[in-house]
PDB file of N, CA and C in Angstrom:
ATOM      1  N   MET A   1      20.813   2.086 -13.875  1.00  0.00           N
ATOM      2  CA  MET A   1      20.354   1.483 -12.631  1.00  0.00           C
ATOM      3  C   MET A   1      21.518   0.748 -11.974  1.00  0.00           C
ATOM      4  N   LYS A   2      21.689   0.975 -10.695  1.00  0.00           N
ATOM      5  CA  LYS A   2      22.762   0.316  -9.957  1.00  0.00           C
ATOM      6  C   LYS A   2      22.453  -1.171  -9.817  1.00  0.00           C
ATOM      7  N   THR A   3      23.500  -1.954  -9.817  1.00  0.00           N
ATOM      8  CA  THR A   3      23.333  -3.381  -9.564  1.00  0.00           C
ATOM      9  C   THR A   3      23.798  -3.678  -8.149  1.00  0.00           C
ATOM     10  N   ARG A   4      23.269  -4.739  -7.596  1.00  0.00           N
ATOM     11  CA  ARG A   4      23.609  -5.131  -6.230  1.00  0.00           C
ATOM     12  C   ARG A   4      25.070  -5.546  -6.162  1.00  0.00           C
ATOM     13  N   LYS A   5      25.792  -4.993  -5.197  1.00  0.00           N
ATOM     14  CA  LYS A   5      27.208  -5.298  -5.032  1.00  0.00           C
ATOM     15  C   LYS A   5      27.430  -6.531  -4.164  1.00  0.00           C
ATOM     16  N   LYS A   6      26.546  -6.721  -3.201  1.00  0.00           N
ATOM     17  CA  LYS A   6      26.680  -7.839  -2.271  1.00  0.00           C
ATOM     18  C   LYS A   6      25.550  -8.834  -2.520  1.00  0.00           C
ATOM     19  N   PRO A   7      25.786 -10.104  -2.240  1.00  0.00           N
ATOM     20  CA  PRO A   7      24.702 -11.079  -2.385  1.00  0.00           C
ATOM     21  C   PRO A   7      23.611 -10.828  -1.345  1.00  0.00           C
ATOM     22  N   LEU A   8      22.410 -11.309  -1.632  1.00  0.00           N
ATOM     23  CA  LEU A   8      21.301 -11.163  -0.685  1.00  0.00           C
ATOM     24  C   LEU A   8      21.619 -11.893   0.608  1.00  0.00           C
ATOM     25  N   GLY A   9      21.166 -11.331   1.707  1.00  0.00           N
ATOM     26  CA  GLY A   9      21.326 -11.961   3.009  1.00  0.00           C
ATOM     27  C   GLY A   9      20.172 -12.910   3.281  1.00  0.00           C
ATOM     28  N   SER A  10      19.989 -13.244   4.540  1.00  0.00           N
ATOM     29  CA  SER A  10      18.913 -14.171   4.908  1.00  0.00           C
ATOM     30  C   SER A  10      18.129 -13.669   6.123  1.00  0.00           C
ATOM     31  N   ALA A  11      18.164 -12.367   6.373  1.00  0.00           N
ATOM     32  CA  ALA A  11      17.518 -11.819   7.560  1.00  0.00           C
ATOM     33  C   ALA A  11      16.012 -11.623   7.404  1.00  0.00           C
ATOM     34  N   ASN A  12      15.519 -11.617   6.160  1.00  0.00           N
ATOM     35  CA  ASN A  12      14.072 -11.530   5.946  1.00  0.00           C
ATOM     36  C   ASN A  12      13.694 -12.251   4.669  1.00  0.00           C
ATOM     37  N   MET A  13      12.394 -12.478   4.478  1.00  0.00           N
ATOM     38  CA  MET A  13      11.903 -13.197   3.307  1.00  0.00           C
ATOM     39  C   MET A  13      11.416 -12.280   2.193  1.00  0.00           C
ATOM     40  N   VAL A  14      11.246 -11.004   2.481  1.00  0.00           N
ATOM     41  CA  VAL A  14      10.536 -10.123   1.556  1.00  0.00           C
ATOM     42  C   VAL A  14      11.430  -9.178   0.743  1.00  0.00           C
ATOM     43  N   GLY A  15      12.651  -8.972   1.158  1.00  0.00           N
ATOM     44  CA  GLY A  15      13.498  -7.954   0.553  1.00  0.00           C
ATOM     45  C   GLY A  15      13.666  -8.074  -0.953  1.00  0.00           C
ATOM     46  N   ALA A  16      13.980  -9.270  -1.428  1.00  0.00           N
ATOM     47  CA  ALA A  16      14.203  -9.462  -2.861  1.00  0.00           C
ATOM     48  C   ALA A  16      12.934  -9.201  -3.656  1.00  0.00           C
ATOM     49  N   ASN A  17      11.790  -9.626  -3.126  1.00  0.00           N
ATOM     50  CA  ASN A  17      10.520  -9.389  -3.826  1.00  0.00           C
ATOM     51  C   ASN A  17      10.150  -7.913  -3.826  1.00  0.00           C
ATOM     52  N   ILE A  18      10.410  -7.231  -2.729  1.00  0.00           N
ATOM     53  CA  ILE A  18      10.153  -5.794  -2.673  1.00  0.00           C
ATOM     54  C   ILE A  18      10.981  -5.088  -3.734  1.00  0.00           C
ATOM     55  N   GLU A  19      12.254  -5.432  -3.809  1.00  0.00           N
ATOM     56  CA  GLU A  19      13.133  -4.811  -4.801  1.00  0.00           C
ATOM     57  C   GLU A  19      12.644  -5.101  -6.220  1.00  0.00           C
ATOM     58  N   ARG A  20      12.284  -6.333  -6.490  1.00  0.00           N
ATOM     59  CA  ARG A  20      11.818  -6.726  -7.826  1.00  0.00           C
ATOM     60  C   ARG A  20      10.562  -5.953  -8.224  1.00  0.00           C
ATOM     61  N   ILE A  21       9.582  -5.905  -7.325  1.00  0.00           N
ATOM     62  CA  ILE A  21       8.320  -5.216  -7.616  1.00  0.00           C
ATOM     63  C   ILE A  21       8.554  -3.715  -7.742  1.00  0.00           C
ATOM     64  N   ARG A  22       9.374  -3.164  -6.857  1.00  0.00           N
ATOM     65  CA  ARG A  22       9.685  -1.729  -6.912  1.00  0.00           C
ATOM     66  C   ARG A  22      10.285  -1.360  -8.258  1.00  0.00           C
ATOM     67  N   LYS A  23      11.240  -2.155  -8.732  1.00  0.00           N
ATOM     68  CA  LYS A  23      11.888  -1.877 -10.012  1.00  0.00           C
ATOM     69  C   LYS A  23      10.921  -2.067 -11.182  1.00  0.00           C
ATOM     70  N   MET A  24      10.063  -3.064 -11.102  1.00  0.00           N
ATOM     71  CA  MET A  24       9.055  -3.271 -12.151  1.00  0.00           C
ATOM     72  C   MET A  24       8.139  -2.056 -12.268  1.00  0.00           C
ATOM     73  N   GLN A  25       7.825  -1.456 -11.130  1.00  0.00           N
ATOM     74  CA  GLN A  25       6.948  -0.287 -11.105  1.00  0.00           C
ATOM     75  C   GLN A  25       7.717   1.021 -11.302  1.00  0.00           C
ATOM     76  N   LYS A  26       9.026   0.899 -11.500  1.00  0.00           N
ATOM     77  CA  LYS A  26       9.902   2.048 -11.789  1.00  0.00           C
ATOM     78  C   LYS A  26       9.954   3.087 -10.666  1.00  0.00           C
ATOM     79  N   PHE A  27       9.889   2.601  -9.431  1.00  0.00           N
ATOM     80  CA  PHE A  27      10.082   3.459  -8.264  1.00  0.00           C
ATOM     81  C   PHE A  27      11.563   3.450  -7.902  1.00  0.00           C
ATOM     82  N   LYS A  28      12.058   4.573  -7.425  1.00  0.00           N
ATOM     83  CA  LYS A  28      13.395   4.641  -6.847  1.00  0.00           C
ATOM     84  C   LYS A  28      13.261   4.408  -5.345  1.00  0.00           C
ATOM     85  N   GLN A  29      14.344   3.939  -4.731  1.00  0.00           N
ATOM     86  CA  GLN A  29      14.310   3.698  -3.291  1.00  0.00           C
ATOM     87  C   GLN A  29      13.899   4.958  -2.539  1.00  0.00           C
ATOM     88  N   VAL A  30      14.450   6.098  -2.921  1.00  0.00           N
ATOM     89  CA  VAL A  30      14.149   7.335  -2.199  1.00  0.00           C
ATOM     90  C   VAL A  30      12.670   7.704  -2.292  1.00  0.00           C
ATOM     91  N   GLU A  31      12.016   7.320  -3.365  1.00  0.00           N
ATOM     92  CA  GLU A  31      10.578   7.584  -3.498  1.00  0.00           C
ATOM     93  C   GLU A  31       9.783   6.725  -2.511  1.00  0.00           C
ATOM     94  N   ILE A  32      10.164   5.469  -2.398  1.00  0.00           N
ATOM     95  CA  ILE A  32       9.498   4.566  -1.447  1.00  0.00           C
ATOM     96  C   ILE A  32       9.732   5.073  -0.022  1.00  0.00           C
ATOM     97  N   ILE A  33      10.956   5.446   0.275  1.00  0.00           N
ATOM     98  CA  ILE A  33      11.303   5.941   1.613  1.00  0.00           C
ATOM     99  C   ILE A  33      10.492   7.183   1.952  1.00  0.00           C
ATOM    100  N   ALA A  34      10.386   8.112   1.029  1.00  0.00           N
ATOM    101  CA  ALA A  34       9.621   9.344   1.268  1.00  0.00           C
ATOM    102  C   ALA A  34       8.154   9.024   1.534  1.00  0.00           C
ATOM    103  N   LYS A  35       7.597   8.093   0.778  1.00  0.00           N
ATOM    104  CA  LYS A  35       6.196   7.713   0.984  1.00  0.00           C
ATOM    105  C   LYS A  35       6.023   7.025   2.336  1.00  0.00           C
ATOM    106  N   MET A  36       6.977   6.167   2.694  1.00  0.00           N
ATOM    107  CA  MET A  36       6.903   5.497   3.996  1.00  0.00           C
ATOM    108  C   MET A  36       6.943   6.529   5.121  1.00  0.00           C
ATOM    109  N   GLN A  37       7.852   7.499   5.009  1.00  0.00           N
ATOM    110  CA  GLN A  37       7.967   8.529   6.040  1.00  0.00           C
ATOM    111  C   GLN A  37       6.691   9.352   6.131  1.00  0.00           C
ATOM    112  N   SER A  38       6.076   9.649   4.981  1.00  0.00           N
ATOM    113  CA  SER A  38       4.833  10.430   5.000  1.00  0.00           C
ATOM    114  C   SER A  38       3.678   9.638   5.617  1.00  0.00           C
ATOM    115  N   MET A  39       3.831   8.302   5.656  1.00  0.00           N
ATOM    116  CA  MET A  39       2.820   7.440   6.273  1.00  0.00           C
ATOM    117  C   MET A  39       3.169   7.120   7.726  1.00  0.00           C
ATOM    118  N   GLY A  40       4.199   7.793   8.258  1.00  0.00           N
ATOM    119  CA  GLY A  40       4.543   7.648   9.670  1.00  0.00           C
ATOM    120  C   GLY A  40       5.551   6.571   9.998  1.00  0.00           C
ATOM    121  N   VAL A  41       6.186   5.981   8.986  1.00  0.00           N
ATOM    122  CA  VAL A  41       7.192   4.946   9.230  1.00  0.00           C
ATOM    123  C   VAL A  41       8.567   5.602   9.189  1.00  0.00           C
ATOM    124  N   ASP A  42       9.280   5.539  10.303  1.00  0.00           N
ATOM    125  CA  ASP A  42      10.595   6.156  10.415  1.00  0.00           C
ATOM    126  C   ASP A  42      11.645   5.211   9.828  1.00  0.00           C
ATOM    127  N   ILE A  43      12.132   5.538   8.641  1.00  0.00           N
ATOM    128  CA  ILE A  43      13.133   4.706   7.971  1.00  0.00           C
ATOM    129  C   ILE A  43      14.070   5.616   7.196  1.00  0.00           C
ATOM    130  N   ASN A  44      15.327   5.217   7.102  1.00  0.00           N
ATOM    131  CA  ASN A  44      16.289   6.008   6.333  1.00  0.00           C
ATOM    132  C   ASN A  44      16.806   5.173   5.166  1.00  0.00           C
ATOM    133  N   VAL A  45      17.627   5.790   4.338  1.00  0.00           N
ATOM    134  CA  VAL A  45      18.119   5.142   3.116  1.00  0.00           C
ATOM    135  C   VAL A  45      18.886   3.860   3.435  1.00  0.00           C
ATOM    136  N   THR A  46      19.757   3.920   4.425  1.00  0.00           N
ATOM    137  CA  THR A  46      20.562   2.751   4.777  1.00  0.00           C
ATOM    138  C   THR A  46      19.692   1.604   5.260  1.00  0.00           C
ATOM    139  N   SER A  47      18.746   1.893   6.139  1.00  0.00           N
ATOM    140  CA  SER A  47      17.865   0.847   6.664  1.00  0.00           C
ATOM    141  C   SER A  47      17.030   0.215   5.557  1.00  0.00           C
ATOM    142  N   TYR A  48      16.513   1.061   4.655  1.00  0.00           N
ATOM    143  CA  TYR A  48      15.692   0.530   3.560  1.00  0.00           C
ATOM    144  C   TYR A  48      16.533  -0.340   2.633  1.00  0.00           C
ATOM    145  N   SER A  49      17.729   0.115   2.319  1.00  0.00           N
ATOM    146  CA  SER A  49      18.619  -0.649   1.451  1.00  0.00           C
ATOM    147  C   SER A  49      18.943  -2.012   2.064  1.00  0.00           C
ATOM    148  N   LYS A  50      19.193  -2.026   3.364  1.00  0.00           N
ATOM    149  CA  LYS A  50      19.475  -3.289   4.054  1.00  0.00           C
ATOM    150  C   LYS A  50      18.246  -4.188   4.094  1.00  0.00           C
ATOM    151  N   LEU A  51      17.063  -3.601   4.171  1.00  0.00           N
ATOM    152  CA  LEU A  51      15.821  -4.382   4.130  1.00  0.00           C
ATOM    153  C   LEU A  51      15.710  -5.091   2.779  1.00  0.00           C
ATOM    154  N   GLU A  52      15.887  -4.336   1.694  1.00  0.00           N
ATOM    155  CA  GLU A  52      15.815  -4.937   0.354  1.00  0.00           C
ATOM    156  C   GLU A  52      16.913  -5.968   0.148  1.00  0.00           C
ATOM    157  N   GLY A  53      18.082  -5.727   0.722  1.00  0.00           N
ATOM    158  CA  GLY A  53      19.199  -6.651   0.580  1.00  0.00           C
ATOM    159  C   GLY A  53      19.112  -7.849   1.501  1.00  0.00           C
ATOM    160  N   GLN A  54      18.049  -7.901   2.292  1.00  0.00           N
ATOM    161  CA  GLN A  54      17.797  -8.981   3.235  1.00  0.00           C
ATOM    162  C   GLN A  54      18.918  -9.093   4.274  1.00  0.00           C
ATOM    163  N   ILE A  55      19.475  -7.940   4.621  1.00  0.00           N
ATOM    164  CA  ILE A  55      20.562  -7.897   5.602  1.00  0.00           C
ATOM    165  C   ILE A  55      20.011  -7.611   6.992  1.00  0.00           C
ATOM    166  N   ARG A  56      18.816  -7.030   7.062  1.00  0.00           N
ATOM    167  CA  ARG A  56      18.202  -6.765   8.364  1.00  0.00           C
ATOM    168  C   ARG A  56      16.756  -7.237   8.342  1.00  0.00           C
ATOM    169  N   LEU A  57      16.210  -7.419   9.530  1.00  0.00           N
ATOM    170  CA  LEU A  57      14.811  -7.828   9.658  1.00  0.00           C
ATOM    171  C   LEU A  57      13.892  -6.730   9.143  1.00  0.00           C
ATOM    172  N   ALA A  58      12.750  -7.127   8.631  1.00  0.00           N
ATOM    173  CA  ALA A  58      11.718  -6.180   8.216  1.00  0.00           C
ATOM    174  C   ALA A  58      10.613  -6.231   9.266  1.00  0.00           C
ATOM    175  N   THR A  59      10.197  -5.085   9.762  1.00  0.00           N
ATOM    176  CA  THR A  59       9.125  -5.057  10.749  1.00  0.00           C
ATOM    177  C   THR A  59       7.777  -5.235  10.047  1.00  0.00           C
ATOM    178  N   ASP A  60       6.794  -5.621  10.828  1.00  0.00           N
ATOM    179  CA  ASP A  60       5.461  -5.809  10.253  1.00  0.00           C
ATOM    180  C   ASP A  60       4.909  -4.515   9.669  1.00  0.00           C
ATOM    181  N   ILE A  61       5.130  -3.402  10.332  1.00  0.00           N
ATOM    182  CA  ILE A  61       4.626  -2.121   9.833  1.00  0.00           C
ATOM    183  C   ILE A  61       5.327  -1.721   8.542  1.00  0.00           C
ATOM    184  N   GLU A  62       6.610  -2.040   8.423  1.00  0.00           N
ATOM    185  CA  GLU A  62       7.330  -1.741   7.184  1.00  0.00           C
ATOM    186  C   GLU A  62       6.783  -2.570   6.024  1.00  0.00           C
ATOM    187  N   VAL A  63       6.591  -3.849   6.250  1.00  0.00           N
ATOM    188  CA  VAL A  63       6.066  -4.730   5.199  1.00  0.00           C
ATOM    189  C   VAL A  63       4.662  -4.290   4.792  1.00  0.00           C
ATOM    190  N   TYR A  64       3.826  -3.998   5.768  1.00  0.00           N
ATOM    191  CA  TYR A  64       2.460  -3.539   5.505  1.00  0.00           C
ATOM    192  C   TYR A  64       2.463  -2.247   4.681  1.00  0.00           C
ATOM    193  N   THR A  65       3.284  -1.295   5.086  1.00  0.00           N
ATOM    194  CA  THR A  65       3.348   0.004   4.412  1.00  0.00           C
ATOM    195  C   THR A  65       3.884  -0.129   2.988  1.00  0.00           C
ATOM    196  N   ILE A  66       4.905  -0.935   2.815  1.00  0.00           N
ATOM    197  CA  ILE A  66       5.470  -1.132   1.476  1.00  0.00           C
ATOM    198  C   ILE A  66       4.446  -1.783   0.554  1.00  0.00           C
ATOM    199  N   ALA A  67       3.705  -2.755   1.061  1.00  0.00           N
ATOM    200  CA  ALA A  67       2.660  -3.391   0.254  1.00  0.00           C
ATOM    201  C   ALA A  67       1.620  -2.362  -0.177  1.00  0.00           C
ATOM    202  N   LYS A  68       1.246  -1.476   0.732  1.00  0.00           N
ATOM    203  CA  LYS A  68       0.282  -0.411   0.407  1.00  0.00           C
ATOM    204  C   LYS A  68       0.837   0.514  -0.678  1.00  0.00           C
ATOM    205  N   ILE A  69       2.088   0.920  -0.524  1.00  0.00           N
ATOM    206  CA  ILE A  69       2.711   1.836  -1.478  1.00  0.00           C
ATOM    207  C   ILE A  69       2.803   1.193  -2.862  1.00  0.00           C
ATOM    208  N   LEU A  70       3.225  -0.067  -2.886  1.00  0.00           N
ATOM    209  CA  LEU A  70       3.369  -0.774  -4.162  1.00  0.00           C
ATOM    210  C   LEU A  70       2.033  -1.283  -4.705  1.00  0.00           C
ATOM    211  N   GLN A  71       0.989  -1.143  -3.911  1.00  0.00           N
ATOM    212  CA  GLN A  71      -0.368  -1.563  -4.270  1.00  0.00           C
ATOM    213  C   GLN A  71      -0.415  -3.047  -4.662  1.00  0.00           C
ATOM    214  N   VAL A  72       0.175  -3.857  -3.790  1.00  0.00           N
ATOM    215  CA  VAL A  72       0.146  -5.303  -3.967  1.00  0.00           C
ATOM    216  C   VAL A  72      -0.388  -5.936  -2.693  1.00  0.00           C
ATOM    217  N   ASP A  73      -0.937  -7.116  -2.829  1.00  0.00           N
ATOM    218  CA  ASP A  73      -1.356  -7.876  -1.659  1.00  0.00           C
ATOM    219  C   ASP A  73      -0.090  -8.239  -0.882  1.00  0.00           C
ATOM    220  N   ILE A  74      -0.164  -8.149   0.422  1.00  0.00           N
ATOM    221  CA  ILE A  74       1.005  -8.402   1.265  1.00  0.00           C
ATOM    222  C   ILE A  74       1.592  -9.790   1.019  1.00  0.00           C
ATOM    223  N   SER A  75       0.756 -10.757   0.674  1.00  0.00           N
ATOM    224  CA  SER A  75       1.253 -12.112   0.409  1.00  0.00           C
ATOM    225  C   SER A  75       2.184 -12.156  -0.795  1.00  0.00           C
ATOM    226  N   GLU A  76       2.040 -11.228  -1.725  1.00  0.00           N
ATOM    227  CA  GLU A  76       2.914 -11.169  -2.900  1.00  0.00           C
ATOM    228  C   GLU A  76       4.359 -10.900  -2.500  1.00  0.00           C
ATOM    229  N   LEU A  77       4.560 -10.219  -1.389  1.00  0.00           N
ATOM    230  CA  LEU A  77       5.913  -9.916  -0.945  1.00  0.00           C
ATOM    231  C   LEU A  77       6.614 -11.151  -0.387  1.00  0.00           C
ATOM    232  N   PHE A  78       5.838 -12.177  -0.039  1.00  0.00           N
ATOM    233  CA  PHE A  78       6.404 -13.398   0.547  1.00  0.00           C
ATOM    234  C   PHE A  78       6.563 -14.536  -0.462  1.00  0.00           C
ATOM    235  N   GLU A  79       6.160 -14.328  -1.695  1.00  0.00           N
ATOM    236  CA  GLU A  79       6.237 -15.405  -2.702  1.00  0.00           C
ATOM    237  C   GLU A  79       7.633 -15.576  -3.237  1.00  0.00           C
TER     238      GLU A  79
END
């Protein structure tokens, strides 16, 4: 498993929790991205990586969709 090369940014509150939960559930980023795209969310590998790294803002639809995919309450992503 790759380790983060850069420290987390401060552009969103959910990225680190998304990454933590995703890894706990043994999902790869590309699997999450594919599921998001199949649910109508236009996102690419770079954008998703920056979201998890808290380098870019996360949209409401992205947060909602990721919570659905990870099967967690959306509030869990903000803890």
